[in-house]
Amino acid sequence: MILPIDDKWRIKSDAYQWMIQQYQGIPDKGKFKDIPQWKSVRYYTSLAKAVHGLAEYELMTSDCTTLASALDCVRDVSERLSMALTPHIEILGE
């Protein structure tokens, strides 16, 4: 399963774990030319822990310098994750 979060992050699973992956770009040569590359940066045993871990990772690596800016960052990350993980249903046809 792959759950896209935004252009920079996604959460991916296999049979054993959940992984937070960071976008690495598209190689312009070599075996994987033109295929987007993702790097796993953290590993978790549940989806809930992975979502929490991504929010925590983004906060820890942010450029916040005050409590107020950290709270703004928490709000922004929470809203972005909520939007990315909210099911969207589209009904086609008449």
Protein backbone atom coordinates (compact mmCIF):
# COMPACT_ATOMS: atom_id res chain seq x y z
CA MET A 1 0.00 0.00 0.00
CA ILE A 2 1.18 3.52 -0.77
CA LEU A 3 -0.49 6.53 0.86
CA PRO A 4 0.66 9.77 -0.80
CA ILE A 5 0.89 12.70 1.60
CA ASP A 6 2.31 15.41 -0.68
CA ASP A 7 5.08 15.90 -3.26
CA LYS A 8 7.74 15.27 -0.60
CA TRP A 9 6.31 12.47 1.59
CA ARG A 10 4.40 9.22 1.40
CA ILE A 11 3.71 6.29 3.68
CA LYS A 12 4.30 2.83 2.24
CA SER A 13 3.76 -0.63 3.67
CA ASP A 14 4.90 -4.14 3.00
CA ALA A 15 3.99 -7.37 4.78
CA TYR A 16 6.10 -6.47 7.83
CA GLN A 17 6.19 -2.70 8.39
CA TRP A 18 5.06 0.83 7.58
CA MET A 19 7.67 3.20 6.14
CA ILE A 20 7.84 6.96 5.89
CA GLN A 21 9.40 7.69 2.52
CA GLN A 22 10.91 10.95 1.27
CA TYR A 23 10.96 11.87 -2.41
CA GLN A 24 14.49 11.83 -3.86
CA GLY A 25 13.81 13.00 -7.41
CA ILE A 26 13.92 11.39 -10.83
CA PRO A 27 17.26 10.12 -12.13
CA ASP A 28 18.21 11.37 -15.58
CA LYS A 29 20.32 8.33 -16.44
CA GLY A 30 20.93 4.76 -15.42
CA LYS A 31 18.72 1.73 -14.91
CA PHE A 32 15.91 3.68 -13.20
CA LYS A 33 15.86 6.65 -15.57
CA ASP A 34 12.60 8.61 -15.40
CA ILE A 35 11.28 6.60 -12.41
CA PRO A 36 10.63 8.65 -9.25
CA GLN A 37 12.88 7.52 -6.41
CA TRP A 38 11.75 7.37 -2.77
CA LYS A 39 13.95 6.77 0.28
CA SER A 40 12.61 5.15 3.44
CA VAL A 41 13.61 7.34 6.40
CA ARG A 42 11.68 5.75 9.29
CA TYR A 43 9.99 2.42 10.00
CA TYR A 44 6.93 1.61 12.16
CA THR A 45 4.79 -1.33 13.21
CA SER A 46 1.43 0.38 12.61
CA LEU A 47 -0.11 3.00 10.34
CA ALA A 48 -1.08 5.17 13.32
CA LYS A 49 2.53 5.19 14.54
CA ALA A 50 3.77 6.06 11.05
CA VAL A 51 1.38 9.02 10.73
CA HIS A 52 2.34 10.26 14.19
CA GLY A 53 6.01 9.68 13.34
CA LEU A 54 5.78 11.75 10.16
CA ALA A 55 4.16 14.62 12.03
CA GLU A 56 6.84 14.41 14.71
CA TYR A 57 9.65 14.19 12.13
CA GLU A 58 8.40 17.28 10.29
CA LEU A 59 8.14 19.23 13.54
CA MET A 60 11.59 18.14 14.71
CA THR A 61 13.21 19.10 11.39
CA SER A 62 11.31 22.38 11.00
CA ASP A 63 12.93 25.79 11.34
CA CYS A 64 10.70 26.79 14.27
CA THR A 65 12.47 28.87 16.90
CA THR A 66 9.64 29.78 19.28
CA LEU A 67 6.79 27.95 20.93
CA ALA A 68 4.29 29.98 18.90
CA SER A 69 5.93 29.04 15.61
CA ALA A 70 6.13 25.38 16.71
CA LEU A 71 2.39 25.39 17.45
CA ASP A 72 1.73 26.89 14.01
CA CYS A 73 3.85 24.13 12.48
CA VAL A 74 1.92 21.46 14.42
CA ARG A 75 -1.36 22.91 13.15
CA ASP A 76 -0.10 23.03 9.55
CA VAL A 77 1.25 19.48 9.62
CA SER A 78 -1.93 18.17 11.25
CA GLU A 79 -4.13 19.83 8.63
CA ARG A 80 -1.99 18.54 5.77
CA LEU A 81 -1.98 14.97 7.09
CA SER A 82 -5.73 15.10 7.72
CA MET A 83 -6.39 16.25 4.16
CA ALA A 84 -4.05 13.64 2.66
CA LEU A 85 -5.55 10.77 4.65
CA THR A 86 -9.23 11.71 4.32
CA PRO A 87 -11.06 9.43 1.88
CA HIS A 88 -12.29 11.19 -1.24
CA ILE A 89 -15.20 9.59 -3.08
CA GLU A 90 -16.15 10.64 -6.58
CA ILE A 91 -19.31 9.37 -8.25
CA LEU A 92 -19.07 9.23 -12.03
CA GLY A 93 -21.94 9.01 -14.46
CA GLU A 94 -25.55 10.10 -14.32
